[in-house]
Amino acid sequence: MSESSGFGKSGVDTSEYKTTKWAMLASTLLPVAAMILEGLSDSGVIENKFWLAILGGFSATLASLGYSWTRGKTKAVEAQAIAAMAAAKEMGSKDSAES
Protein backbone atom coordinates (compact mmCIF):
# COMPACT_ATOMS: atom_id res chain seq x y z
CA MET A 1 0.00 0.00 0.00
CA SER A 2 2.40 2.67 1.13
CA GLU A 3 5.82 3.09 -0.35
CA SER A 4 9.04 2.48 1.50
CA SER A 5 11.51 5.32 1.97
CA GLY A 6 14.28 3.21 0.45
CA PHE A 7 15.33 1.46 3.64
CA GLY A 8 13.55 -0.32 6.43
CA LYS A 9 9.92 -1.33 6.46
CA SER A 10 7.01 0.34 4.75
CA GLY A 11 4.76 2.28 7.11
CA VAL A 12 2.02 -0.34 7.40
CA ASP A 13 4.52 -3.03 8.43
CA THR A 14 5.83 -1.18 11.49
CA SER A 15 4.88 -1.93 15.08
CA GLU A 16 4.06 1.75 15.55
CA TYR A 17 1.39 1.57 12.83
CA LYS A 18 -0.10 -1.61 14.32
CA THR A 19 -0.13 -0.16 17.84
CA THR A 20 -1.74 3.06 16.62
CA LYS A 21 -4.37 1.07 14.73
CA TRP A 22 -5.28 -0.88 17.90
CA ALA A 23 -5.32 2.30 19.98
CA MET A 24 -7.73 3.93 17.51
CA LEU A 25 -9.95 0.84 17.53
CA ALA A 26 -9.99 0.82 21.33
CA SER A 27 -10.85 4.53 21.46
CA THR A 28 -13.82 3.80 19.20
CA LEU A 29 -15.04 0.75 21.11
CA LEU A 30 -14.53 2.07 24.65
CA PRO A 31 -17.43 4.58 24.50
CA VAL A 32 -19.72 1.76 23.37
CA ALA A 33 -18.51 -0.39 26.26
CA ALA A 34 -19.06 2.54 28.61
CA MET A 35 -22.67 2.90 27.42
CA ILE A 36 -23.28 -0.82 27.98
CA LEU A 37 -21.75 -0.68 31.47
CA GLU A 38 -23.80 2.40 32.30
CA GLY A 39 -26.95 0.56 31.24
CA LEU A 40 -26.01 -2.42 33.40
CA SER A 41 -25.26 -0.11 36.31
CA ASP A 42 -28.54 1.77 35.95
CA SER A 43 -30.46 -1.52 35.82
CA GLY A 44 -28.87 -2.62 39.10
CA VAL A 45 -26.83 -5.52 37.70
CA ILE A 46 -23.63 -3.69 38.67
CA GLU A 47 -23.92 -1.96 42.01
CA ASN A 48 -20.41 -0.71 42.85
CA LYS A 49 -19.34 1.92 40.31
CA PHE A 50 -16.11 2.66 42.18
CA TRP A 51 -14.50 -0.58 40.99
CA LEU A 52 -15.58 0.15 37.42
CA ALA A 53 -13.76 3.48 37.62
CA ILE A 54 -10.64 1.79 39.03
CA LEU A 55 -10.72 -0.87 36.31
CA GLY A 56 -11.17 1.76 33.59
CA GLY A 57 -8.28 3.86 34.89
CA PHE A 58 -6.05 0.80 35.18
CA SER A 59 -6.89 -0.29 31.62
CA ALA A 60 -6.23 3.17 30.22
CA THR A 61 -2.89 3.35 32.04
CA LEU A 62 -1.80 -0.02 30.69
CA ALA A 63 -2.77 0.96 27.15
CA SER A 64 -0.87 4.24 27.42
CA LEU A 65 2.23 2.55 28.83
CA GLY A 66 2.15 -0.08 26.11
CA TYR A 67 1.96 2.53 23.38
CA SER A 68 4.70 4.64 24.98
CA TRP A 69 6.98 1.61 25.34
CA THR A 70 6.46 0.56 21.71
CA ARG A 71 7.03 4.10 20.47
CA GLY A 72 10.20 4.48 22.55
CA LYS A 73 11.56 1.15 21.36
CA THR A 74 10.88 2.10 17.73
CA LYS A 75 12.58 5.47 18.11
CA ALA A 76 15.63 3.87 19.78
CA VAL A 77 16.07 1.43 16.90
CA GLU A 78 15.64 4.28 14.41
CA ALA A 79 18.30 6.35 16.19
CA GLN A 80 20.72 3.40 16.14
CA ALA A 81 20.13 2.88 12.42
CA ILE A 82 20.72 6.57 11.66
CA ALA A 83 23.92 6.54 13.74
CA ALA A 84 25.15 3.44 11.91
CA MET A 85 24.41 5.02 8.52
CA ALA A 86 26.22 8.22 9.54
CA ALA A 87 29.25 6.23 10.73
CA ALA A 88 29.32 4.21 7.51
CA LYS A 89 29.08 7.37 5.45
CA GLU A 90 31.91 8.97 7.38
CA MET A 91 34.07 5.87 7.01
CA GLY A 92 33.38 5.93 3.28
CA SER A 93 34.36 9.58 2.97
CA LYS A 94 37.60 8.95 4.93
CA ASP A 95 38.46 6.00 2.66
CA SER A 96 37.90 8.08 -0.50
CA ALA A 97 39.96 10.99 0.90
CA GLU A 98 42.90 8.67 1.62
CA SER A 99 42.87 7.27 -1.93
PDB file of N, CA and C in Angstrom:
ATOM      1  N   MET A   1       0.813  -1.200   0.000  1.00  0.00           N
ATOM      2  CA  MET A   1       0.000   0.000   0.000  1.00  0.00           C
ATOM      3  C   MET A   1       0.855   1.262   0.000  1.00  0.00           C
ATOM      4  N   SER A   2       1.568   1.489   1.096  1.00  0.00           N
ATOM      5  CA  SER A   2       2.405   2.674   1.130  1.00  0.00           C
ATOM      6  C   SER A   2       3.797   2.319   0.657  1.00  0.00           C
ATOM      7  N   GLU A   3       4.491   3.326   0.177  1.00  0.00           N
ATOM      8  CA  GLU A   3       5.822   3.087  -0.354  1.00  0.00           C
ATOM      9  C   GLU A   3       6.861   3.186   0.745  1.00  0.00           C
ATOM     10  N   SER A   4       7.928   2.436   0.551  1.00  0.00           N
ATOM     11  CA  SER A   4       9.039   2.479   1.495  1.00  0.00           C
ATOM     12  C   SER A   4       9.913   3.677   1.175  1.00  0.00           C
ATOM     13  N   SER A   5      10.638   4.165   2.171  1.00  0.00           N
ATOM     14  CA  SER A   5      11.513   5.316   1.971  1.00  0.00           C
ATOM     15  C   SER A   5      12.871   4.902   1.427  1.00  0.00           C
ATOM     16  N   GLY A   6      13.017   3.662   0.984  1.00  0.00           N
ATOM     17  CA  GLY A   6      14.278   3.212   0.447  1.00  0.00           C
ATOM     18  C   GLY A   6      15.033   2.305   1.407  1.00  0.00           C
ATOM     19  N   PHE A   7      14.715   2.354   2.665  1.00  0.00           N
ATOM     20  CA  PHE A   7      15.333   1.464   3.642  1.00  0.00           C
ATOM     21  C   PHE A   7      14.320   1.184   4.728  1.00  0.00           C
ATOM     22  N   GLY A   8      14.472   0.035   5.352  1.00  0.00           N
ATOM     23  CA  GLY A   8      13.546  -0.315   6.432  1.00  0.00           C
ATOM     24  C   GLY A   8      12.224  -0.817   5.904  1.00  0.00           C
ATOM     25  N   LYS A   9      11.242  -0.822   6.778  1.00  0.00           N
ATOM     26  CA  LYS A   9       9.917  -1.330   6.457  1.00  0.00           C
ATOM     27  C   LYS A   9       9.039  -0.226   5.891  1.00  0.00           C
ATOM     28  N   SER A  10       8.005  -0.641   5.154  1.00  0.00           N
ATOM     29  CA  SER A  10       7.006   0.344   4.752  1.00  0.00           C
ATOM     30  C   SER A  10       6.178   0.695   5.984  1.00  0.00           C
ATOM     31  N   GLY A  11       5.481   1.779   5.944  1.00  0.00           N
ATOM     32  CA  GLY A  11       4.758   2.282   7.107  1.00  0.00           C
ATOM     33  C   GLY A  11       3.762   1.312   7.707  1.00  0.00           C
ATOM     34  N   VAL A  12       3.057   0.558   6.874  1.00  0.00           N
ATOM     35  CA  VAL A  12       2.021  -0.340   7.397  1.00  0.00           C
ATOM     36  C   VAL A  12       2.599  -1.604   8.017  1.00  0.00           C
ATOM     37  N   ASP A  13       3.892  -1.846   7.850  1.00  0.00           N
ATOM     38  CA  ASP A  13       4.522  -3.029   8.431  1.00  0.00           C
ATOM     39  C   ASP A  13       5.173  -2.751   9.780  1.00  0.00           C
ATOM     40  N   THR A  14       5.141  -1.528  10.246  1.00  0.00           N
ATOM     41  CA  THR A  14       5.827  -1.176  11.493  1.00  0.00           C
ATOM     42  C   THR A  14       4.955  -1.469  12.712  1.00  0.00           C
ATOM     43  N   SER A  15       5.613  -1.694  13.833  1.00  0.00           N
ATOM     44  CA  SER A  15       4.876  -1.933  15.075  1.00  0.00           C
ATOM     45  C   SER A  15       4.154  -0.660  15.519  1.00  0.00           C
ATOM     46  N   GLU A  16       4.709   0.495  15.183  1.00  0.00           N
ATOM     47  CA  GLU A  16       4.058   1.753  15.547  1.00  0.00           C
ATOM     48  C   GLU A  16       2.702   1.878  14.860  1.00  0.00           C
ATOM     49  N   TYR A  17       2.645   1.513  13.579  1.00  0.00           N
ATOM     50  CA  TYR A  17       1.388   1.573  12.833  1.00  0.00           C
ATOM     51  C   TYR A  17       0.360   0.621  13.456  1.00  0.00           C
ATOM     52  N   LYS A  18       0.815  -0.616  13.754  1.00  0.00           N
ATOM     53  CA  LYS A  18      -0.103  -1.607  14.322  1.00  0.00           C
ATOM     54  C   LYS A  18      -0.606  -1.169  15.689  1.00  0.00           C
ATOM     55  N   THR A  19       0.278  -0.620  16.515  1.00  0.00           N
ATOM     56  CA  THR A  19      -0.127  -0.155  17.841  1.00  0.00           C
ATOM     57  C   THR A  19      -1.113   1.004  17.728  1.00  0.00           C
ATOM     58  N   THR A  20      -0.842   1.930  16.817  1.00  0.00           N
ATOM     59  CA  THR A  20      -1.741   3.065  16.617  1.00  0.00           C
ATOM     60  C   THR A  20      -3.101   2.596  16.131  1.00  0.00           C
ATOM     61  N   LYS A  21      -3.106   1.612  15.239  1.00  0.00           N
ATOM     62  CA  LYS A  21      -4.370   1.071  14.727  1.00  0.00           C
ATOM     63  C   LYS A  21      -5.199   0.483  15.872  1.00  0.00           C
ATOM     64  N   TRP A  22      -4.560  -0.296  16.765  1.00  0.00           N
ATOM     65  CA  TRP A  22      -5.276  -0.882  17.897  1.00  0.00           C
ATOM     66  C   TRP A  22      -5.742   0.182  18.882  1.00  0.00           C
ATOM     67  N   ALA A  23      -4.926   1.214  19.076  1.00  0.00           N
ATOM     68  CA  ALA A  23      -5.320   2.300  19.976  1.00  0.00           C
ATOM     69  C   ALA A  23      -6.538   3.039  19.431  1.00  0.00           C
ATOM     70  N   MET A  24      -6.573   3.258  18.115  1.00  0.00           N
ATOM     71  CA  MET A  24      -7.729   3.925  17.507  1.00  0.00           C
ATOM     72  C   MET A  24      -8.979   3.055  17.610  1.00  0.00           C
ATOM     73  N   LEU A  25      -8.812   1.753  17.416  1.00  0.00           N
ATOM     74  CA  LEU A  25      -9.947   0.844  17.534  1.00  0.00           C
ATOM     75  C   LEU A  25     -10.485   0.844  18.966  1.00  0.00           C
ATOM     76  N   ALA A  26      -9.571   0.807  19.927  1.00  0.00           N
ATOM     77  CA  ALA A  26      -9.987   0.824  21.330  1.00  0.00           C
ATOM     78  C   ALA A  26     -10.702   2.127  21.675  1.00  0.00           C
ATOM     79  N   SER A  27     -10.204   3.250  21.144  1.00  0.00           N
ATOM     80  CA  SER A  27     -10.849   4.531  21.456  1.00  0.00           C
ATOM     81  C   SER A  27     -12.235   4.622  20.831  1.00  0.00           C
ATOM     82  N   THR A  28     -12.497   3.840  19.809  1.00  0.00           N
ATOM     83  CA  THR A  28     -13.820   3.802  19.200  1.00  0.00           C
ATOM     84  C   THR A  28     -14.747   2.878  19.982  1.00  0.00           C
ATOM     85  N   LEU A  29     -14.206   1.747  20.430  1.00  0.00           N
ATOM     86  CA  LEU A  29     -15.043   0.753  21.110  1.00  0.00           C
ATOM     87  C   LEU A  29     -15.288   1.064  22.582  1.00  0.00           C
ATOM     88  N   LEU A  30     -14.373   1.789  23.220  1.00  0.00           N
ATOM     89  CA  LEU A  30     -14.535   2.068  24.651  1.00  0.00           C
ATOM     90  C   LEU A  30     -15.791   2.879  24.976  1.00  0.00           C
ATOM     91  N   PRO A  31     -16.163   3.890  24.183  1.00  0.00           N
ATOM     92  CA  PRO A  31     -17.432   4.581  24.502  1.00  0.00           C
ATOM     93  C   PRO A  31     -18.646   3.664  24.418  1.00  0.00           C
ATOM     94  N   VAL A  32     -18.618   2.721  23.478  1.00  0.00           N
ATOM     95  CA  VAL A  32     -19.723   1.758  23.374  1.00  0.00           C
ATOM     96  C   VAL A  32     -19.756   0.879  24.620  1.00  0.00           C
ATOM     97  N   ALA A  33     -18.581   0.412  25.038  1.00  0.00           N
ATOM     98  CA  ALA A  33     -18.508  -0.395  26.255  1.00  0.00           C
ATOM     99  C   ALA A  33     -18.979   0.408  27.466  1.00  0.00           C
ATOM    100  N   ALA A  34     -18.638   1.685  27.503  1.00  0.00           N
ATOM    101  CA  ALA A  34     -19.063   2.537  28.614  1.00  0.00           C
ATOM    102  C   ALA A  34     -20.587   2.665  28.646  1.00  0.00           C
ATOM    103  N   MET A  35     -21.204   2.803  27.467  1.00  0.00           N
ATOM    104  CA  MET A  35     -22.667   2.896  27.417  1.00  0.00           C
ATOM    105  C   MET A  35     -23.312   1.598  27.910  1.00  0.00           C
ATOM    106  N   ILE A  36     -22.736   0.465  27.530  1.00  0.00           N
ATOM    107  CA  ILE A  36     -23.277  -0.822  27.981  1.00  0.00           C
ATOM    108  C   ILE A  36     -23.139  -0.957  29.496  1.00  0.00           C
ATOM    109  N   LEU A  37     -21.956  -0.605  30.018  1.00  0.00           N
ATOM    110  CA  LEU A  37     -21.748  -0.677  31.469  1.00  0.00           C
ATOM    111  C   LEU A  37     -22.663   0.282  32.219  1.00  0.00           C
ATOM    112  N   GLU A  38     -22.887   1.453  31.649  1.00  0.00           N
ATOM    113  CA  GLU A  38     -23.803   2.402  32.296  1.00  0.00           C
ATOM    114  C   GLU A  38     -25.214   1.836  32.339  1.00  0.00           C
ATOM    115  N   GLY A  39     -25.626   1.189  31.256  1.00  0.00           N
ATOM    116  CA  GLY A  39     -26.948   0.557  31.236  1.00  0.00           C
ATOM    117  C   GLY A  39     -27.061  -0.549  32.268  1.00  0.00           C
ATOM    118  N   LEU A  40     -26.006  -1.356  32.386  1.00  0.00           N
ATOM    119  CA  LEU A  40     -26.007  -2.419  33.398  1.00  0.00           C
ATOM    120  C   LEU A  40     -26.030  -1.838  34.809  1.00  0.00           C
ATOM    121  N   SER A  41     -25.300  -0.750  34.995  1.00  0.00           N
ATOM    122  CA  SER A  41     -25.257  -0.108  36.307  1.00  0.00           C
ATOM    123  C   SER A  41     -26.615   0.494  36.670  1.00  0.00           C
ATOM    124  N   ASP A  42     -27.232   1.157  35.692  1.00  0.00           N
ATOM    125  CA  ASP A  42     -28.544   1.765  35.946  1.00  0.00           C
ATOM    126  C   ASP A  42     -29.620   0.712  36.219  1.00  0.00           C
ATOM    127  N   SER A  43     -29.458  -0.469  35.611  1.00  0.00           N
ATOM    128  CA  SER A  43     -30.461  -1.519  35.819  1.00  0.00           C
ATOM    129  C   SER A  43     -30.253  -2.251  37.143  1.00  0.00           C
ATOM    130  N   GLY A  44     -29.125  -2.010  37.810  1.00  0.00           N
ATOM    131  CA  GLY A  44     -28.873  -2.622  39.097  1.00  0.00           C
ATOM    132  C   GLY A  44     -28.045  -3.894  39.030  1.00  0.00           C
ATOM    133  N   VAL A  45     -27.649  -4.313  37.837  1.00  0.00           N
ATOM    134  CA  VAL A  45     -26.829  -5.518  37.704  1.00  0.00           C
ATOM    135  C   VAL A  45     -25.456  -5.275  38.323  1.00  0.00           C
ATOM    136  N   ILE A  46     -24.918  -4.084  38.074  1.00  0.00           N
ATOM    137  CA  ILE A  46     -23.632  -3.686  38.667  1.00  0.00           C
ATOM    138  C   ILE A  46     -23.940  -2.617  39.700  1.00  0.00           C
ATOM    139  N   GLU A  47     -23.563  -2.885  40.941  1.00  0.00           N
ATOM    140  CA  GLU A  47     -23.917  -1.962  42.007  1.00  0.00           C
ATOM    141  C   GLU A  47     -22.777  -1.051  42.441  1.00  0.00           C
ATOM    142  N   ASN A  48     -21.538  -1.494  42.351  1.00  0.00           N
ATOM    143  CA  ASN A  48     -20.409  -0.711  42.845  1.00  0.00           C
ATOM    144  C   ASN A  48     -19.663  -0.059  41.686  1.00  0.00           C
ATOM    145  N   LYS A  49     -19.960   1.212  41.425  1.00  0.00           N
ATOM    146  CA  LYS A  49     -19.339   1.924  40.306  1.00  0.00           C
ATOM    147  C   LYS A  49     -17.880   2.294  40.586  1.00  0.00           C
ATOM    148  N   PHE A  50     -17.488   2.316  41.832  1.00  0.00           N
ATOM    149  CA  PHE A  50     -16.112   2.662  42.181  1.00  0.00           C
ATOM    150  C   PHE A  50     -15.131   1.709  41.514  1.00  0.00           C
ATOM    151  N   TRP A  51     -15.410   0.406  41.572  1.00  0.00           N
ATOM    152  CA  TRP A  51     -14.497  -0.578  40.991  1.00  0.00           C
ATOM    153  C   TRP A  51     -14.479  -0.493  39.472  1.00  0.00           C
ATOM    154  N   LEU A  52     -15.575  -0.078  38.872  1.00  0.00           N
ATOM    155  CA  LEU A  52     -15.576   0.148  37.418  1.00  0.00           C
ATOM    156  C   LEU A  52     -14.630   1.286  37.055  1.00  0.00           C
ATOM    157  N   ALA A  53     -14.653   2.346  37.867  1.00  0.00           N
ATOM    158  CA  ALA A  53     -13.762   3.478  37.619  1.00  0.00           C
ATOM    159  C   ALA A  53     -12.300   3.066  37.790  1.00  0.00           C
ATOM    160  N   ILE A  54     -12.002   2.282  38.804  1.00  0.00           N
ATOM    161  CA  ILE A  54     -10.644   1.793  39.032  1.00  0.00           C
ATOM    162  C   ILE A  54     -10.196   0.923  37.857  1.00  0.00           C
ATOM    163  N   LEU A  55     -11.047   0.011  37.421  1.00  0.00           N
ATOM    164  CA  LEU A  55     -10.721  -0.870  36.306  1.00  0.00           C
ATOM    165  C   LEU A  55     -10.499  -0.072  35.017  1.00  0.00           C
ATOM    166  N   GLY A  56     -11.330   0.921  34.772  1.00  0.00           N
ATOM    167  CA  GLY A  56     -11.170   1.764  33.591  1.00  0.00           C
ATOM    168  C   GLY A  56      -9.867   2.543  33.621  1.00  0.00           C
ATOM    169  N   GLY A  57      -9.548   3.111  34.763  1.00  0.00           N
ATOM    170  CA  GLY A  57      -8.282   3.855  34.887  1.00  0.00           C
ATOM    171  C   GLY A  57      -7.073   2.955  34.725  1.00  0.00           C
ATOM    172  N   PHE A  58      -7.140   1.761  35.304  1.00  0.00           N
ATOM    173  CA  PHE A  58      -6.049   0.803  35.182  1.00  0.00           C
ATOM    174  C   PHE A  58      -5.864   0.376  33.727  1.00  0.00           C
ATOM    175  N   SER A  59      -6.952   0.110  33.032  1.00  0.00           N
ATOM    176  CA  SER A  59      -6.890  -0.291  31.625  1.00  0.00           C
ATOM    177  C   SER A  59      -6.309   0.824  30.754  1.00  0.00           C
ATOM    178  N   ALA A  60      -6.744   2.043  30.996  1.00  0.00           N
ATOM    179  CA  ALA A  60      -6.226   3.172  30.223  1.00  0.00           C
ATOM    180  C   ALA A  60      -4.740   3.385  30.480  1.00  0.00           C
ATOM    181  N   THR A  61      -4.316   3.212  31.712  1.00  0.00           N
ATOM    182  CA  THR A  61      -2.894   3.355  32.045  1.00  0.00           C
ATOM    183  C   THR A  61      -2.063   2.291  31.352  1.00  0.00           C
ATOM    184  N   LEU A  62      -2.526   1.047  31.377  1.00  0.00           N
ATOM    185  CA  LEU A  62      -1.799  -0.022  30.692  1.00  0.00           C
ATOM    186  C   LEU A  62      -1.705   0.227  29.189  1.00  0.00           C
ATOM    187  N   ALA A  63      -2.784   0.678  28.587  1.00  0.00           N
ATOM    188  CA  ALA A  63      -2.767   0.961  27.148  1.00  0.00           C
ATOM    189  C   ALA A  63      -1.782   2.076  26.830  1.00  0.00           C
ATOM    190  N   SER A  64      -1.784   3.120  27.629  1.00  0.00           N
ATOM    191  CA  SER A  64      -0.869   4.241  27.416  1.00  0.00           C
ATOM    192  C   SER A  64       0.582   3.818  27.580  1.00  0.00           C
ATOM    193  N   LEU A  65       0.862   3.027  28.612  1.00  0.00           N
ATOM    194  CA  LEU A  65       2.229   2.550  28.830  1.00  0.00           C
ATOM    195  C   LEU A  65       2.689   1.637  27.702  1.00  0.00           C
ATOM    196  N   GLY A  66       1.805   0.804  27.222  1.00  0.00           N
ATOM    197  CA  GLY A  66       2.146  -0.084  26.108  1.00  0.00           C
ATOM    198  C   GLY A  66       2.488   0.700  24.859  1.00  0.00           C
ATOM    199  N   TYR A  67       1.682   1.705  24.555  1.00  0.00           N
ATOM    200  CA  TYR A  67       1.961   2.531  23.381  1.00  0.00           C
ATOM    201  C   TYR A  67       3.268   3.295  23.562  1.00  0.00           C
ATOM    202  N   SER A  68       3.480   3.874  24.730  1.00  0.00           N
ATOM    203  CA  SER A  68       4.704   4.638  24.979  1.00  0.00           C
ATOM    204  C   SER A  68       5.937   3.748  24.877  1.00  0.00           C
ATOM    205  N   TRP A  69       5.851   2.532  25.400  1.00  0.00           N
ATOM    206  CA  TRP A  69       6.983   1.611  25.342  1.00  0.00           C
ATOM    207  C   TRP A  69       7.293   1.238  23.895  1.00  0.00           C
ATOM    208  N   THR A  70       6.253   0.917  23.114  1.00  0.00           N
ATOM    209  CA  THR A  70       6.459   0.555  21.710  1.00  0.00           C
ATOM    210  C   THR A  70       7.040   1.718  20.934  1.00  0.00           C
ATOM    211  N   ARG A  71       6.539   2.902  21.167  1.00  0.00           N
ATOM    212  CA  ARG A  71       7.032   4.103  20.469  1.00  0.00           C
ATOM    213  C   ARG A  71       8.487   4.369  20.844  1.00  0.00           C
ATOM    214  N   GLY A  72       8.818   4.261  22.116  1.00  0.00           N
ATOM    215  CA  GLY A  72      10.195   4.483  22.553  1.00  0.00           C
ATOM    216  C   GLY A  72      11.149   3.465  21.966  1.00  0.00           C
ATOM    217  N   LYS A  73      10.724   2.210  21.935  1.00  0.00           N
ATOM    218  CA  LYS A  73      11.557   1.147  21.360  1.00  0.00           C
ATOM    219  C   LYS A  73      11.792   1.407  19.871  1.00  0.00           C
ATOM    220  N   THR A  74      10.755   1.812  19.160  1.00  0.00           N
ATOM    221  CA  THR A  74      10.875   2.102  17.734  1.00  0.00           C
ATOM    222  C   THR A  74      11.835   3.256  17.493  1.00  0.00           C
ATOM    223  N   LYS A  75      11.712   4.301  18.273  1.00  0.00           N
ATOM    224  CA  LYS A  75      12.584   5.467  18.107  1.00  0.00           C
ATOM    225  C   LYS A  75      14.029   5.137  18.443  1.00  0.00           C
ATOM    226  N   ALA A  76      14.263   4.264  19.427  1.00  0.00           N
ATOM    227  CA  ALA A  76      15.632   3.873  19.784  1.00  0.00           C
ATOM    228  C   ALA A  76      16.281   3.101  18.642  1.00  0.00           C
ATOM    229  N   VAL A  77      15.541   2.194  18.036  1.00  0.00           N
ATOM    230  CA  VAL A  77      16.073   1.430  16.900  1.00  0.00           C
ATOM    231  C   VAL A  77      16.341   2.363  15.720  1.00  0.00           C
ATOM    232  N   GLU A  78      15.452   3.315  15.498  1.00  0.00           N
ATOM    233  CA  GLU A  78      15.640   4.279  14.414  1.00  0.00           C
ATOM    234  C   GLU A  78      16.906   5.109  14.646  1.00  0.00           C
ATOM    235  N   ALA A  79      17.116   5.554  15.878  1.00  0.00           N
ATOM    236  CA  ALA A  79      18.304   6.350  16.193  1.00  0.00           C
ATOM    237  C   ALA A  79      19.581   5.534  15.980  1.00  0.00           C
ATOM    238  N   GLN A  80      19.560   4.254  16.356  1.00  0.00           N
ATOM    239  CA  GLN A  80      20.722   3.397  16.139  1.00  0.00           C
ATOM    240  C   GLN A  80      21.000   3.224  14.649  1.00  0.00           C
ATOM    241  N   ALA A  81      19.956   3.054  13.858  1.00  0.00           N
ATOM    242  CA  ALA A  81      20.129   2.883  12.415  1.00  0.00           C
ATOM    243  C   ALA A  81      20.695   4.151  11.781  1.00  0.00           C
ATOM    244  N   ILE A  82      20.220   5.302  12.206  1.00  0.00           N
ATOM    245  CA  ILE A  82      20.724   6.574  11.664  1.00  0.00           C
ATOM    246  C   ILE A  82      22.182   6.768  12.050  1.00  0.00           C
ATOM    247  N   ALA A  83      22.524   6.424  13.293  1.00  0.00           N
ATOM    248  CA  ALA A  83      23.921   6.545  13.736  1.00  0.00           C
ATOM    249  C   ALA A  83      24.826   5.606  12.941  1.00  0.00           C
ATOM    250  N   ALA A  84      24.358   4.396  12.684  1.00  0.00           N
ATOM    251  CA  ALA A  84      25.152   3.437  11.909  1.00  0.00           C
ATOM    252  C   ALA A  84      25.343   3.927  10.476  1.00  0.00           C
ATOM    253  N   MET A  85      24.301   4.500   9.892  1.00  0.00           N
ATOM    254  CA  MET A  85      24.411   5.022   8.523  1.00  0.00           C
ATOM    255  C   MET A  85      25.375   6.208   8.483  1.00  0.00           C
ATOM    256  N   ALA A  86      25.319   7.066   9.486  1.00  0.00           N
ATOM    257  CA  ALA A  86      26.221   8.218   9.541  1.00  0.00           C
ATOM    258  C   ALA A  86      27.666   7.758   9.701  1.00  0.00           C
ATOM    259  N   ALA A  87      27.894   6.749  10.538  1.00  0.00           N
ATOM    260  CA  ALA A  87      29.245   6.229  10.733  1.00  0.00           C
ATOM    261  C   ALA A  87      29.770   5.586   9.456  1.00  0.00           C
ATOM    262  N   ALA A  88      28.912   4.836   8.769  1.00  0.00           N
ATOM    263  CA  ALA A  88      29.324   4.210   7.512  1.00  0.00           C
ATOM    264  C   ALA A  88      29.631   5.262   6.456  1.00  0.00           C
ATOM    265  N   LYS A  89      28.848   6.301   6.420  1.00  0.00           N
ATOM    266  CA  LYS A  89      29.076   7.374   5.451  1.00  0.00           C
ATOM    267  C   LYS A  89      30.400   8.073   5.741  1.00  0.00           C
ATOM    268  N   GLU A  90      30.662   8.316   7.009  1.00  0.00           N
ATOM    269  CA  GLU A  90      31.907   8.972   7.384  1.00  0.00           C
ATOM    270  C   GLU A  90      33.113   8.096   7.075  1.00  0.00           C
ATOM    271  N   MET A  91      33.001   6.803   7.327  1.00  0.00           N
ATOM    272  CA  MET A  91      34.072   5.871   7.013  1.00  0.00           C
ATOM    273  C   MET A  91      34.312   5.845   5.505  1.00  0.00           C
ATOM    274  N   GLY A  92      33.251   5.905   4.730  1.00  0.00           N
ATOM    275  CA  GLY A  92      33.377   5.929   3.280  1.00  0.00           C
ATOM    276  C   GLY A  92      34.040   7.196   2.775  1.00  0.00           C
ATOM    277  N   SER A  93      33.748   8.324   3.399  1.00  0.00           N
ATOM    278  CA  SER A  93      34.355   9.582   2.969  1.00  0.00           C
ATOM    279  C   SER A  93      35.829   9.633   3.382  1.00  0.00           C
ATOM    280  N   LYS A  94      36.203   9.011   4.514  1.00  0.00           N
ATOM    281  CA  LYS A  94      37.599   8.947   4.929  1.00  0.00           C
ATOM    282  C   LYS A  94      38.402   8.057   3.965  1.00  0.00           C
ATOM    283  N   ASP A  95      37.791   6.923   3.567  1.00  0.00           N
ATOM    284  CA  ASP A  95      38.462   6.001   2.660  1.00  0.00           C
ATOM    285  C   ASP A  95      38.708   6.658   1.305  1.00  0.00           C
ATOM    286  N   SER A  96      37.733   7.446   0.804  1.00  0.00           N
ATOM    287  CA  SER A  96      37.904   8.079  -0.495  1.00  0.00           C
ATOM    288  C   SER A  96      38.887   9.250  -0.414  1.00  0.00           C
ATOM    289  N   ALA A  97      39.002   9.887   0.739  1.00  0.00           N
ATOM    290  CA  ALA A  97      39.956  10.993   0.902  1.00  0.00           C
ATOM    291  C   ALA A  97      41.380  10.462   0.977  1.00  0.00           C
ATOM    292  N   GLU A  98      41.562   9.256   1.523  1.00  0.00           N
ATOM    293  CA  GLU A  98      42.897   8.668   1.624  1.00  0.00           C
ATOM    294  C   GLU A  98      43.394   8.140   0.279  1.00  0.00           C
ATOM    295  N   SER A  99      42.476   7.834  -0.640  1.00  0.00           N
ATOM    296  CA  SER A  99      42.871   7.273  -1.928  1.00  0.00           C
ATOM    297  C   SER A  99      43.463   8.261  -2.869  1.00  0.00           C
TER     298      SER A  99
END
